[in-house]
Amino acid sequence: MNSTSQCRSTTILAVRRDGKVAIGGDGQVTIGNTVVKQDARKIHSLFDGKVLIGFAGAAADAFALMERFESKLKEFNGNVVRSAHELAKEWRTDRILRRLESLLAVVDRENSLLISGSGDVIVPEEGVLAIGSGGSFAEAAARALLKHSRLSAEEITREALLIAGRICIYTNENIHVETLA
């Protein structure tokens, strides 16, 4: 994403620990430098609750991409990795889709993936994936908590997002977290 299309107004974080994965996001939506909503839900369940997805960027673009991703999941029988690669390929090559400005964080029981419009499908290191304006803050906090605590994936996700919300002006402390075991 170029510098004029910075992902603002959200933080999404996914953490894996002890065979569980948690993904969470804050509730803030901003337009420019104005907060327009405090309690948005940016984490959604797909494929009968087997896949969780979070988004950062333009909401309308993210919903369009989530619908496309869900259709890929159905087409490829729930294969998250194949669906992600097919969506990324389509997103990059389609003239209209490539104008969509959003990032997707996708998790299932085995996989954590970041999908971008530039055709990237990235598997994060150490089971931590973060996107959005507060993503770096949340990721740093989550890595420290993974290393120096016995907190669960859900607890780490929630606490790291709260820390990001205290630092990033585009992130609030209205946190929603979902888990898969």
Foldseek 3Di string as FASTA:
>chain_A
DDPVFAFFQKKWKWADDDLKIKIKMFAWDDDPLHTDTGHHGQWDAADVRQKIKGKTGDPVLVVVLVVQLRVLCVVVVNPNVVSLQVSLVCCQPPPVSLVRDMWMWMDGSPFTWIHGSNRDTDGDPNRMDMDGPLRVQLRVQLVVCVVPHPDHRQVSNLVSLCRSQVPDSSGHNRMDMDMDD
